[in-house]
Amino acid sequence: PTSTIFSMELTGVMELNLTFLSTLFTDDLVRLSRPISYIALTAASLDGKPHELELYMDVSAQHAVNSPSQQVTWDHWKTTSGGATVDGVRLGSAVQHVLNSKGDRVNIDWGYLYLAVESSTLAGAWAGSASTSRSNFVANGTILPSADIRKPRAASDDMPCLSVMQSMSVTTVGASSATFLLGYDETDAIYYFGDKYSGLW
């Protein structure tokens, strides 16, 4: 796997490691083509005291459009596998022109952007206004309880985003951890002599 690790410290109080991980195994094409990356956070106490952390991450609608004037829409989903439930949100262009763009400095504007976290009473996912999501988290340390239903709307109109949060208790023994999942599913990946093909995944 390929990873980038950032280590941060609140001097003498707590250490936080942030790892961006993609499963880029070149001898396993299915795993190599997996459209998900992992953001893993571990925290450890340095002062011998327990601590409470509120973690937050969001990704704006700019990642799913070529132009900020394009309309986007979003939805919330949950899935269960192997006894674990994942709570997630996705966002994409309201009108999906799959494999319809080409040229330089052109962003993909089809498919869907995903953000997810393992579901629990201490975690959640939400989609809607970035400014509202961020200000609510700063004030309350939580994800908004009600949905943003003003959709579809332009990516530049009160910029929508996908957001997740996780509450984490840092004990005096060992490290505590949380993982967020970030991905982009382009639905179809190749246009070849008039035919569209999906990615290997």
N, C-alpha and C. Protein backbone atom coordinates (compact mmCIF):
# COMPACT_ATOMS: atom_id res chain seq x y z
N PRO A 1 0.83 -1.21 0.00
CA PRO A 1 0.00 0.00 0.00
C PRO A 1 0.86 1.26 0.00
N THR A 2 0.28 2.33 -0.47
CA THR A 2 0.98 3.60 -0.49
C THR A 2 0.34 4.52 0.54
N SER A 3 1.16 5.13 1.38
CA SER A 3 0.60 5.97 2.43
C SER A 3 1.45 7.20 2.66
N THR A 4 0.78 8.24 3.14
CA THR A 4 1.44 9.46 3.58
C THR A 4 1.01 9.70 5.02
N ILE A 5 1.97 9.94 5.91
CA ILE A 5 1.67 10.07 7.33
C ILE A 5 2.08 11.44 7.84
N PHE A 6 1.15 12.10 8.52
CA PHE A 6 1.43 13.37 9.17
C PHE A 6 1.39 13.15 10.68
N SER A 7 2.42 13.57 11.37
CA SER A 7 2.46 13.45 12.82
C SER A 7 2.40 14.84 13.44
N MET A 8 1.46 15.02 14.37
CA MET A 8 1.27 16.30 15.04
C MET A 8 1.25 16.10 16.54
N GLU A 9 1.65 17.13 17.27
CA GLU A 9 1.67 17.01 18.72
C GLU A 9 1.23 18.32 19.37
N LEU A 10 0.29 18.17 20.31
CA LEU A 10 -0.02 19.26 21.22
C LEU A 10 0.96 19.07 22.36
N THR A 11 2.00 19.88 22.39
CA THR A 11 3.19 19.64 23.21
C THR A 11 2.88 19.17 24.63
N GLY A 12 3.34 17.95 24.90
CA GLY A 12 3.20 17.39 26.23
C GLY A 12 1.82 16.91 26.60
N VAL A 13 0.86 17.05 25.67
CA VAL A 13 -0.53 16.68 25.98
C VAL A 13 -1.01 15.50 25.16
N MET A 14 -0.88 15.58 23.82
CA MET A 14 -1.42 14.55 22.96
C MET A 14 -0.68 14.50 21.64
N GLU A 15 -0.58 13.29 21.09
CA GLU A 15 0.01 13.08 19.77
C GLU A 15 -1.07 12.57 18.83
N LEU A 16 -1.12 13.14 17.62
CA LEU A 16 -2.10 12.73 16.62
C LEU A 16 -1.37 12.37 15.34
N ASN A 17 -1.61 11.17 14.82
CA ASN A 17 -1.06 10.73 13.54
C ASN A 17 -2.19 10.60 12.52
N LEU A 18 -2.00 11.20 11.37
CA LEU A 18 -2.98 11.19 10.30
C LEU A 18 -2.38 10.47 9.10
N THR A 19 -2.99 9.36 8.68
CA THR A 19 -2.46 8.55 7.59
C THR A 19 -3.43 8.52 6.42
N PHE A 20 -2.93 8.90 5.24
CA PHE A 20 -3.70 8.78 4.00
C PHE A 20 -3.20 7.51 3.30
N LEU A 21 -4.11 6.55 3.10
CA LEU A 21 -3.71 5.23 2.62
C LEU A 21 -4.54 4.83 1.39
N SER A 22 -3.85 4.39 0.34
CA SER A 22 -4.50 3.81 -0.84
C SER A 22 -3.89 2.44 -1.07
N THR A 23 -4.74 1.47 -1.41
CA THR A 23 -4.26 0.08 -1.56
C THR A 23 -3.72 -0.13 -2.96
N LEU A 24 -2.56 0.44 -3.25
CA LEU A 24 -1.97 0.39 -4.59
C LEU A 24 -1.03 -0.80 -4.74
N PHE A 25 -1.61 -2.00 -4.76
CA PHE A 25 -0.83 -3.22 -4.98
C PHE A 25 -0.79 -3.50 -6.48
N THR A 26 0.35 -3.33 -7.10
CA THR A 26 0.42 -3.47 -8.56
C THR A 26 0.28 -4.92 -9.03
N ASP A 27 0.37 -5.89 -8.12
CA ASP A 27 0.18 -7.28 -8.50
C ASP A 27 -1.25 -7.75 -8.24
N ASP A 28 -2.13 -6.84 -7.86
CA ASP A 28 -3.53 -7.17 -7.60
C ASP A 28 -4.38 -6.08 -8.25
N LEU A 29 -4.81 -6.31 -9.49
CA LEU A 29 -5.48 -5.26 -10.25
C LEU A 29 -6.83 -4.86 -9.68
N VAL A 30 -7.53 -5.81 -9.08
CA VAL A 30 -8.82 -5.48 -8.48
C VAL A 30 -8.63 -4.53 -7.31
N ARG A 31 -7.67 -4.85 -6.45
CA ARG A 31 -7.39 -3.98 -5.31
C ARG A 31 -6.80 -2.64 -5.77
N LEU A 32 -5.96 -2.68 -6.80
CA LEU A 32 -5.35 -1.48 -7.34
C LEU A 32 -6.41 -0.51 -7.86
N SER A 33 -7.48 -1.05 -8.44
CA SER A 33 -8.51 -0.20 -9.04
C SER A 33 -9.61 0.21 -8.06
N ARG A 34 -9.49 -0.23 -6.80
CA ARG A 34 -10.50 0.12 -5.79
C ARG A 34 -10.59 1.64 -5.67
N PRO A 35 -11.80 2.21 -5.81
CA PRO A 35 -11.93 3.67 -5.84
C PRO A 35 -12.01 4.32 -4.46
N ILE A 36 -11.46 3.68 -3.47
CA ILE A 36 -11.54 4.18 -2.10
C ILE A 36 -10.15 4.39 -1.52
N SER A 37 -9.97 5.50 -0.82
CA SER A 37 -8.78 5.73 -0.02
C SER A 37 -9.22 5.86 1.44
N TYR A 38 -8.28 5.63 2.34
CA TYR A 38 -8.59 5.61 3.77
C TYR A 38 -7.83 6.73 4.47
N ILE A 39 -8.52 7.41 5.36
CA ILE A 39 -7.90 8.44 6.19
C ILE A 39 -7.99 7.92 7.63
N ALA A 40 -6.87 7.47 8.15
CA ALA A 40 -6.84 6.86 9.48
C ALA A 40 -6.21 7.83 10.47
N LEU A 41 -6.85 7.98 11.62
CA LEU A 41 -6.35 8.88 12.65
C LEU A 41 -6.12 8.09 13.93
N THR A 42 -4.95 8.25 14.51
CA THR A 42 -4.67 7.64 15.81
C THR A 42 -4.21 8.74 16.77
N ALA A 43 -4.65 8.62 18.00
CA ALA A 43 -4.31 9.63 19.01
C ALA A 43 -3.84 8.94 20.27
N ALA A 44 -2.83 9.52 20.92
CA ALA A 44 -2.29 8.96 22.16
C ALA A 44 -2.04 10.08 23.15
N SER A 45 -2.33 9.79 24.40
CA SER A 45 -2.10 10.76 25.47
C SER A 45 -0.62 10.80 25.84
N LEU A 46 -0.11 12.01 26.02
CA LEU A 46 1.29 12.18 26.42
C LEU A 46 1.44 12.65 27.86
N ASP A 47 0.33 13.08 28.46
CA ASP A 47 0.41 13.63 29.82
C ASP A 47 -0.17 12.70 30.88
N GLY A 48 -0.48 11.45 30.46
CA GLY A 48 -1.01 10.48 31.42
C GLY A 48 -2.45 10.73 31.80
N LYS A 49 -3.16 11.58 31.05
CA LYS A 49 -4.56 11.88 31.34
C LYS A 49 -5.44 11.47 30.15
N PRO A 50 -6.71 11.11 30.41
CA PRO A 50 -7.63 10.81 29.30
C PRO A 50 -8.09 12.11 28.63
N HIS A 51 -8.42 12.01 27.35
CA HIS A 51 -8.87 13.18 26.59
C HIS A 51 -10.03 12.78 25.67
N GLU A 52 -10.85 13.76 25.32
CA GLU A 52 -11.94 13.55 24.37
C GLU A 52 -11.65 14.37 23.11
N LEU A 53 -11.78 13.71 21.94
CA LEU A 53 -11.55 14.38 20.67
C LEU A 53 -12.81 14.35 19.82
N GLU A 54 -13.04 15.41 19.08
CA GLU A 54 -14.10 15.46 18.07
C GLU A 54 -13.42 15.67 16.73
N LEU A 55 -13.52 14.68 15.85
CA LEU A 55 -12.86 14.73 14.55
C LEU A 55 -13.87 15.08 13.47
N TYR A 56 -13.46 15.90 12.51
CA TYR A 56 -14.37 16.34 11.44
C TYR A 56 -13.62 16.41 10.13
N MET A 57 -14.29 16.02 9.05
CA MET A 57 -13.72 16.14 7.71
C MET A 57 -14.83 16.44 6.74
N ASP A 58 -14.56 17.31 5.77
CA ASP A 58 -15.53 17.51 4.69
C ASP A 58 -14.83 17.65 3.35
N VAL A 59 -15.59 17.40 2.28
CA VAL A 59 -15.10 17.49 0.91
C VAL A 59 -16.15 18.25 0.11
N SER A 60 -15.72 19.30 -0.59
CA SER A 60 -16.68 20.17 -1.26
C SER A 60 -17.14 19.63 -2.61
N ALA A 61 -18.24 20.19 -3.10
CA ALA A 61 -18.81 19.80 -4.39
C ALA A 61 -17.91 20.14 -5.56
N GLN A 62 -16.91 20.98 -5.34
CA GLN A 62 -15.98 21.34 -6.41
C GLN A 62 -15.27 20.12 -6.99
N HIS A 63 -15.16 19.04 -6.22
CA HIS A 63 -14.48 17.84 -6.68
C HIS A 63 -15.30 17.04 -7.68
N ALA A 64 -16.58 17.36 -7.85
CA ALA A 64 -17.46 16.54 -8.69
C ALA A 64 -17.98 17.28 -9.91
N VAL A 65 -17.49 18.49 -10.16
CA VAL A 65 -17.98 19.27 -11.30
C VAL A 65 -16.81 19.86 -12.08
N ASN A 66 -17.10 20.23 -13.32
CA ASN A 66 -16.11 20.93 -14.14
C ASN A 66 -16.25 22.44 -13.99
N SER A 67 -17.48 22.88 -13.72
CA SER A 67 -17.76 24.30 -13.56
C SER A 67 -18.60 24.52 -12.31
N PRO A 68 -18.32 25.56 -11.51
CA PRO A 68 -19.09 25.80 -10.29
C PRO A 68 -20.57 26.08 -10.54
N SER A 69 -20.93 26.39 -11.78
CA SER A 69 -22.34 26.66 -12.10
C SER A 69 -23.14 25.38 -12.29
N GLN A 70 -22.45 24.23 -12.39
CA GLN A 70 -23.16 22.97 -12.58
C GLN A 70 -23.94 22.57 -11.33
N GLN A 71 -25.11 22.00 -11.56
CA GLN A 71 -25.98 21.57 -10.48
C GLN A 71 -25.49 20.23 -9.92
N VAL A 72 -25.56 20.13 -8.60
CA VAL A 72 -25.18 18.87 -7.94
C VAL A 72 -26.33 18.41 -7.04
N THR A 73 -26.32 17.14 -6.78
CA THR A 73 -27.28 16.57 -5.84
C THR A 73 -26.56 15.56 -4.96
N TRP A 74 -27.20 15.13 -3.90
CA TRP A 74 -26.53 14.24 -2.94
C TRP A 74 -27.55 13.37 -2.23
N ASP A 75 -27.06 12.32 -1.60
CA ASP A 75 -27.93 11.47 -0.78
C ASP A 75 -27.12 10.79 0.30
N HIS A 76 -27.84 10.20 1.24
CA HIS A 76 -27.27 9.54 2.40
C HIS A 76 -27.52 8.05 2.27
N TRP A 77 -26.56 7.22 2.70
CA TRP A 77 -26.72 5.78 2.58
C TRP A 77 -26.05 5.06 3.75
N LYS A 78 -26.49 3.84 3.97
CA LYS A 78 -25.86 2.97 4.97
C LYS A 78 -25.76 1.57 4.38
N THR A 79 -24.70 0.87 4.73
CA THR A 79 -24.55 -0.51 4.29
C THR A 79 -23.88 -1.31 5.40
N THR A 80 -24.22 -2.59 5.48
CA THR A 80 -23.66 -3.46 6.51
C THR A 80 -22.96 -4.64 5.87
N SER A 81 -21.76 -4.93 6.34
CA SER A 81 -21.00 -6.08 5.83
C SER A 81 -20.09 -6.57 6.94
N GLY A 82 -20.07 -7.87 7.14
CA GLY A 82 -19.19 -8.46 8.15
C GLY A 82 -19.46 -7.97 9.56
N GLY A 83 -20.71 -7.59 9.84
CA GLY A 83 -21.08 -7.14 11.16
C GLY A 83 -20.85 -5.66 11.43
N ALA A 84 -20.24 -4.95 10.48
CA ALA A 84 -19.99 -3.51 10.64
C ALA A 84 -20.90 -2.72 9.70
N THR A 85 -21.42 -1.61 10.19
CA THR A 85 -22.27 -0.74 9.38
C THR A 85 -21.52 0.53 9.05
N VAL A 86 -21.52 0.88 7.77
CA VAL A 86 -20.87 2.10 7.30
C VAL A 86 -21.93 3.14 7.01
N ASP A 87 -21.74 4.34 7.53
CA ASP A 87 -22.65 5.46 7.35
C ASP A 87 -21.99 6.43 6.37
N GLY A 88 -22.64 6.69 5.24
CA GLY A 88 -21.98 7.51 4.23
C GLY A 88 -22.89 8.45 3.48
N VAL A 89 -22.27 9.34 2.72
CA VAL A 89 -22.97 10.28 1.86
C VAL A 89 -22.25 10.30 0.51
N ARG A 90 -23.01 10.65 -0.55
CA ARG A 90 -22.40 10.76 -1.86
C ARG A 90 -22.94 12.00 -2.56
N LEU A 91 -22.17 12.52 -3.50
CA LEU A 91 -22.54 13.74 -4.22
C LEU A 91 -22.04 13.64 -5.65
N GLY A 92 -22.85 14.16 -6.58
CA GLY A 92 -22.44 14.16 -7.98
C GLY A 92 -23.26 15.15 -8.77
N SER A 93 -22.91 15.32 -10.03
CA SER A 93 -23.65 16.21 -10.91
C SER A 93 -25.10 15.73 -11.04
N ALA A 94 -26.02 16.68 -11.04
CA ALA A 94 -27.44 16.32 -11.17
C ALA A 94 -27.72 15.71 -12.54
N VAL A 95 -27.00 16.17 -13.55
CA VAL A 95 -27.11 15.61 -14.90
C VAL A 95 -25.79 14.90 -15.21
N GLN A 96 -25.86 13.60 -15.37
CA GLN A 96 -24.67 12.79 -15.55
C GLN A 96 -24.33 12.62 -17.03
N HIS A 97 -23.40 13.41 -17.52
CA HIS A 97 -22.91 13.27 -18.90
C HIS A 97 -21.66 12.39 -18.87
N VAL A 98 -21.90 11.09 -18.81
CA VAL A 98 -20.81 10.13 -18.61
C VAL A 98 -19.87 10.11 -19.83
N LEU A 99 -18.56 10.25 -19.55
CA LEU A 99 -17.52 10.22 -20.59
C LEU A 99 -17.82 11.21 -21.71
N ASN A 100 -18.32 12.38 -21.35
CA ASN A 100 -18.75 13.35 -22.36
C ASN A 100 -17.78 14.53 -22.48
N SER A 101 -16.77 14.61 -21.60
CA SER A 101 -15.85 15.74 -21.61
C SER A 101 -14.46 15.29 -22.05
N LYS A 102 -13.73 16.20 -22.68
CA LYS A 102 -12.36 15.90 -23.07
C LYS A 102 -11.60 17.22 -23.19
N GLY A 103 -10.28 17.14 -23.22
CA GLY A 103 -9.46 18.32 -23.37
C GLY A 103 -8.60 18.59 -22.16
N ASP A 104 -7.82 19.65 -22.24
CA ASP A 104 -6.95 20.05 -21.14
C ASP A 104 -7.72 20.86 -20.12
N ARG A 105 -7.29 20.76 -18.88
CA ARG A 105 -7.89 21.50 -17.77
C ARG A 105 -9.40 21.29 -17.70
N VAL A 106 -9.81 20.06 -17.92
CA VAL A 106 -11.22 19.67 -17.82
C VAL A 106 -11.35 18.69 -16.66
N ASN A 107 -12.23 18.98 -15.72
CA ASN A 107 -12.44 18.10 -14.58
C ASN A 107 -13.56 17.11 -14.88
N ILE A 108 -13.46 15.93 -14.28
CA ILE A 108 -14.53 14.95 -14.42
C ILE A 108 -15.81 15.52 -13.79
N ASP A 109 -16.92 15.38 -14.49
CA ASP A 109 -18.19 15.87 -13.95
C ASP A 109 -19.28 14.81 -14.08
N TRP A 110 -18.85 13.54 -14.02
CA TRP A 110 -19.81 12.45 -13.92
C TRP A 110 -19.30 11.51 -12.84
N GLY A 111 -20.18 10.61 -12.42
CA GLY A 111 -19.83 9.74 -11.30
C GLY A 111 -20.12 10.42 -9.97
N TYR A 112 -19.71 9.79 -8.89
CA TYR A 112 -20.08 10.27 -7.56
C TYR A 112 -18.90 10.26 -6.59
N LEU A 113 -18.87 11.30 -5.78
CA LEU A 113 -17.90 11.45 -4.70
C LEU A 113 -18.51 10.85 -3.43
N TYR A 114 -17.74 10.04 -2.71
CA TYR A 114 -18.22 9.36 -1.51
C TYR A 114 -17.37 9.73 -0.29
N LEU A 115 -18.03 9.81 0.86
CA LEU A 115 -17.35 9.99 2.13
C LEU A 115 -18.12 9.20 3.18
N ALA A 116 -17.40 8.42 4.00
CA ALA A 116 -18.10 7.53 4.92
C ALA A 116 -17.28 7.29 6.19
N VAL A 117 -17.99 6.79 7.21
CA VAL A 117 -17.38 6.45 8.49
C VAL A 117 -18.15 5.27 9.06
N GLU A 118 -17.49 4.47 9.89
CA GLU A 118 -18.21 3.36 10.53
C GLU A 118 -19.30 3.93 11.43
N SER A 119 -20.51 3.40 11.25
CA SER A 119 -21.67 3.94 11.96
C SER A 119 -21.64 3.61 13.45
N SER A 120 -21.93 4.61 14.26
CA SER A 120 -22.05 4.41 15.70
C SER A 120 -22.73 5.64 16.29
N THR A 121 -23.02 5.58 17.58
CA THR A 121 -23.63 6.73 18.24
C THR A 121 -22.64 7.88 18.35
N LEU A 122 -21.35 7.61 18.10
CA LEU A 122 -20.30 8.62 18.23
C LEU A 122 -19.82 9.13 16.87
N ALA A 123 -20.48 8.70 15.78
CA ALA A 123 -20.05 9.10 14.45
C ALA A 123 -21.26 9.35 13.57
N GLY A 124 -21.04 10.08 12.47
CA GLY A 124 -22.13 10.32 11.54
C GLY A 124 -21.66 10.97 10.26
N ALA A 125 -22.54 10.97 9.26
CA ALA A 125 -22.26 11.57 7.97
C ALA A 125 -23.41 12.48 7.58
N TRP A 126 -23.08 13.53 6.81
CA TRP A 126 -24.09 14.53 6.43
C TRP A 126 -23.69 15.15 5.11
N ALA A 127 -24.68 15.66 4.35
CA ALA A 127 -24.40 16.35 3.09
C ALA A 127 -25.25 17.61 3.01
N GLY A 128 -24.64 18.67 2.48
CA GLY A 128 -25.34 19.94 2.33
C GLY A 128 -24.37 21.11 2.43
N SER A 129 -24.87 22.24 2.88
CA SER A 129 -24.09 23.47 2.95
C SER A 129 -22.79 23.30 3.74
N ALA A 130 -21.65 23.60 3.09
CA ALA A 130 -20.36 23.49 3.76
C ALA A 130 -20.25 24.48 4.92
N SER A 131 -20.68 25.71 4.70
CA SER A 131 -20.56 26.72 5.76
C SER A 131 -21.42 26.36 6.96
N THR A 132 -22.61 25.83 6.71
CA THR A 132 -23.50 25.43 7.82
C THR A 132 -22.92 24.23 8.56
N SER A 133 -22.40 23.26 7.83
CA SER A 133 -21.82 22.07 8.44
C SER A 133 -20.63 22.43 9.33
N ARG A 134 -19.76 23.28 8.81
CA ARG A 134 -18.56 23.65 9.56
C ARG A 134 -18.89 24.48 10.80
N SER A 135 -19.77 25.46 10.65
CA SER A 135 -20.10 26.31 11.80
C SER A 135 -20.83 25.52 12.88
N ASN A 136 -21.66 24.55 12.46
CA ASN A 136 -22.36 23.72 13.45
C ASN A 136 -21.37 22.85 14.21
N PHE A 137 -20.36 22.29 13.49
CA PHE A 137 -19.39 21.44 14.17
C PHE A 137 -18.55 22.25 15.17
N VAL A 138 -18.15 23.45 14.76
CA VAL A 138 -17.37 24.30 15.66
C VAL A 138 -18.17 24.63 16.91
N ALA A 139 -19.47 24.89 16.74
CA ALA A 139 -20.31 25.29 17.87
C ALA A 139 -20.73 24.11 18.74
N ASN A 140 -21.01 22.95 18.10
CA ASN A 140 -21.61 21.85 18.84
C ASN A 140 -20.82 20.54 18.83
N GLY A 141 -19.82 20.43 17.95
CA GLY A 141 -19.04 19.20 17.88
C GLY A 141 -19.80 18.03 17.32
N THR A 142 -20.84 18.30 16.51
CA THR A 142 -21.69 17.23 15.98
C THR A 142 -21.99 17.46 14.50
N ILE A 143 -22.55 16.43 13.88
CA ILE A 143 -23.13 16.55 12.54
C ILE A 143 -24.55 17.08 12.69
N LEU A 144 -25.01 17.85 11.73
CA LEU A 144 -26.36 18.40 11.80
C LEU A 144 -27.40 17.29 11.85
N PRO A 145 -28.45 17.45 12.67
CA PRO A 145 -29.46 16.40 12.79
C PRO A 145 -30.47 16.38 11.64
N SER A 146 -30.63 17.49 10.94
CA SER A 146 -31.61 17.55 9.84
C SER A 146 -30.93 17.69 8.50
N ALA A 147 -31.56 17.14 7.46
CA ALA A 147 -30.97 17.13 6.13
C ALA A 147 -31.09 18.48 5.44
N ASP A 148 -30.15 18.77 4.56
CA ASP A 148 -30.22 19.92 3.66
C ASP A 148 -30.95 19.43 2.42
N ILE A 149 -32.20 19.85 2.25
CA ILE A 149 -33.03 19.32 1.16
C ILE A 149 -33.11 20.25 -0.04
N ARG A 150 -32.34 21.34 -0.01
CA ARG A 150 -32.38 22.27 -1.15
C ARG A 150 -31.43 21.75 -2.23
N LYS A 151 -31.94 20.83 -2.99
CA LYS A 151 -31.16 20.19 -4.04
C LYS A 151 -32.08 19.78 -5.19
N PRO A 152 -31.55 19.67 -6.41
CA PRO A 152 -30.18 20.03 -6.78
C PRO A 152 -29.99 21.54 -6.76
N ARG A 153 -28.74 21.95 -6.67
CA ARG A 153 -28.39 23.36 -6.78
C ARG A 153 -26.96 23.47 -7.29
N ALA A 154 -26.60 24.67 -7.76
CA ALA A 154 -25.27 24.89 -8.31
C ALA A 154 -24.21 24.67 -7.24
N ALA A 155 -23.07 24.17 -7.66
CA ALA A 155 -21.97 23.94 -6.72
C ALA A 155 -21.51 25.24 -6.07
N SER A 156 -21.76 26.37 -6.72
CA SER A 156 -21.36 27.67 -6.18
C SER A 156 -22.43 28.30 -5.30
N ASP A 157 -23.60 27.67 -5.20
CA ASP A 157 -24.72 28.20 -4.44
C ASP A 157 -24.67 27.63 -3.02
N ASP A 158 -24.15 28.43 -2.07
CA ASP A 158 -23.96 27.96 -0.70
C ASP A 158 -23.29 26.59 -0.75
N MET A 159 -22.08 26.59 -1.27
CA MET A 159 -21.29 25.41 -1.62
C MET A 159 -21.65 24.15 -0.82
N PRO A 160 -22.25 23.14 -1.49
CA PRO A 160 -22.52 21.88 -0.80
C PRO A 160 -21.22 21.11 -0.52
N CYS A 161 -21.28 20.24 0.46
CA CYS A 161 -20.14 19.38 0.78
C CYS A 161 -20.64 18.07 1.36
N LEU A 162 -19.75 17.11 1.44
CA LEU A 162 -19.97 15.89 2.21
C LEU A 162 -19.16 16.01 3.49
N SER A 163 -19.73 15.65 4.61
CA SER A 163 -18.99 15.76 5.87
C SER A 163 -19.21 14.54 6.76
N VAL A 164 -18.18 14.22 7.53
CA VAL A 164 -18.27 13.14 8.52
C VAL A 164 -17.62 13.62 9.82
N MET A 165 -18.04 13.03 10.92
CA MET A 165 -17.42 13.33 12.21
C MET A 165 -17.34 12.06 13.05
N GLN A 166 -16.41 12.09 13.99
CA GLN A 166 -16.21 10.95 14.88
C GLN A 166 -15.76 11.46 16.24
N SER A 167 -16.45 11.05 17.29
CA SER A 167 -16.00 11.33 18.65
C SER A 167 -15.06 10.22 19.09
N MET A 168 -14.00 10.57 19.78
CA MET A 168 -13.00 9.57 20.15
C MET A 168 -12.50 9.83 21.56
N SER A 169 -12.51 8.79 22.37
CA SER A 169 -11.95 8.87 23.72
C SER A 169 -10.52 8.38 23.70
N VAL A 170 -9.61 9.22 24.16
CA VAL A 170 -8.19 8.86 24.20
C VAL A 170 -7.85 8.48 25.63
N THR A 171 -7.50 7.21 25.84
CA THR A 171 -7.22 6.72 27.19
C THR A 171 -5.74 6.94 27.53
N THR A 172 -5.39 6.57 28.73
CA THR A 172 -4.00 6.75 29.18
C THR A 172 -3.13 5.57 28.76
N VAL A 173 -3.75 4.52 28.19
CA VAL A 173 -3.00 3.34 27.77
C VAL A 173 -3.23 3.10 26.28
N GLY A 174 -2.15 3.06 25.50
CA GLY A 174 -2.27 2.78 24.08
C GLY A 174 -2.84 3.95 23.30
N ALA A 175 -3.15 3.69 22.03
CA ALA A 175 -3.67 4.71 21.14
C ALA A 175 -5.11 4.41 20.75
N SER A 176 -5.90 5.45 20.51
CA SER A 176 -7.26 5.32 20.01
C SER A 176 -7.26 5.67 18.53
N SER A 177 -8.20 5.10 17.78
CA SER A 177 -8.17 5.32 16.34
C SER A 177 -9.56 5.49 15.74
N ALA A 178 -9.59 6.10 14.57
CA ALA A 178 -10.81 6.27 13.79
C ALA A 178 -10.40 6.28 12.32
N THR A 179 -11.31 5.84 11.45
CA THR A 179 -11.01 5.79 10.01
C THR A 179 -12.16 6.37 9.21
N PHE A 180 -11.83 7.25 8.27
CA PHE A 180 -12.78 7.78 7.30
C PHE A 180 -12.47 7.18 5.94
N LEU A 181 -13.50 7.01 5.12
CA LEU A 181 -13.33 6.46 3.77
C LEU A 181 -13.71 7.54 2.75
N LEU A 182 -12.83 7.76 1.78
CA LEU A 182 -13.05 8.76 0.74
C LEU A 182 -12.88 8.11 -0.62
N GLY A 183 -13.85 8.33 -1.51
CA GLY A 183 -13.74 7.69 -2.82
C GLY A 183 -14.45 8.44 -3.92
N TYR A 184 -14.14 8.06 -5.15
CA TYR A 184 -14.82 8.61 -6.32
C TYR A 184 -15.10 7.47 -7.29
N ASP A 185 -16.38 7.25 -7.57
CA ASP A 185 -16.79 6.20 -8.50
C ASP A 185 -17.23 6.87 -9.80
N GLU A 186 -16.46 6.67 -10.88
CA GLU A 186 -16.78 7.34 -12.13
C GLU A 186 -17.83 6.60 -12.95
N THR A 187 -18.37 5.53 -12.44
CA THR A 187 -19.40 4.68 -13.07
C THR A 187 -18.89 4.03 -14.36
N ASP A 188 -18.57 4.80 -15.39
CA ASP A 188 -17.92 4.28 -16.59
C ASP A 188 -16.58 4.98 -16.74
N ALA A 189 -15.56 4.23 -17.20
CA ALA A 189 -14.21 4.76 -17.20
C ALA A 189 -13.59 4.90 -18.59
N ILE A 190 -14.09 4.12 -19.57
CA ILE A 190 -13.45 4.09 -20.88
C ILE A 190 -14.50 4.18 -21.99
N TYR A 191 -14.19 4.99 -22.98
CA TYR A 191 -15.01 5.07 -24.20
C TYR A 191 -14.15 4.54 -25.34
N TYR A 192 -14.53 3.40 -25.89
CA TYR A 192 -13.69 2.73 -26.86
C TYR A 192 -14.50 2.34 -28.09
N PHE A 193 -14.23 3.02 -29.20
CA PHE A 193 -14.92 2.77 -30.46
C PHE A 193 -16.44 2.72 -30.28
N GLY A 194 -16.95 3.72 -29.58
CA GLY A 194 -18.40 3.86 -29.44
C GLY A 194 -19.01 3.12 -28.27
N ASP A 195 -18.22 2.33 -27.55
CA ASP A 195 -18.74 1.58 -26.40
C ASP A 195 -18.16 2.12 -25.11
N LYS A 196 -18.97 2.10 -24.05
CA LYS A 196 -18.54 2.55 -22.72
C LYS A 196 -18.27 1.33 -21.84
N TYR A 197 -17.17 1.41 -21.08
CA TYR A 197 -16.80 0.31 -20.19
C TYR A 197 -16.56 0.83 -18.79
N SER A 198 -16.98 0.04 -17.82
CA SER A 198 -16.75 0.41 -16.42
C SER A 198 -15.32 0.07 -16.03
N GLY A 199 -14.89 0.64 -14.90
CA GLY A 199 -13.57 0.31 -14.38
C GLY A 199 -13.51 -1.12 -13.93
N LEU A 200 -12.31 -1.62 -13.66
CA LEU A 200 -12.12 -3.02 -13.25
C LEU A 200 -12.87 -3.31 -11.96
N TRP A 201 -12.91 -2.33 -11.04
CA TRP A 201 -13.57 -2.55 -9.77
C TRP A 201 -15.07 -2.76 -9.96
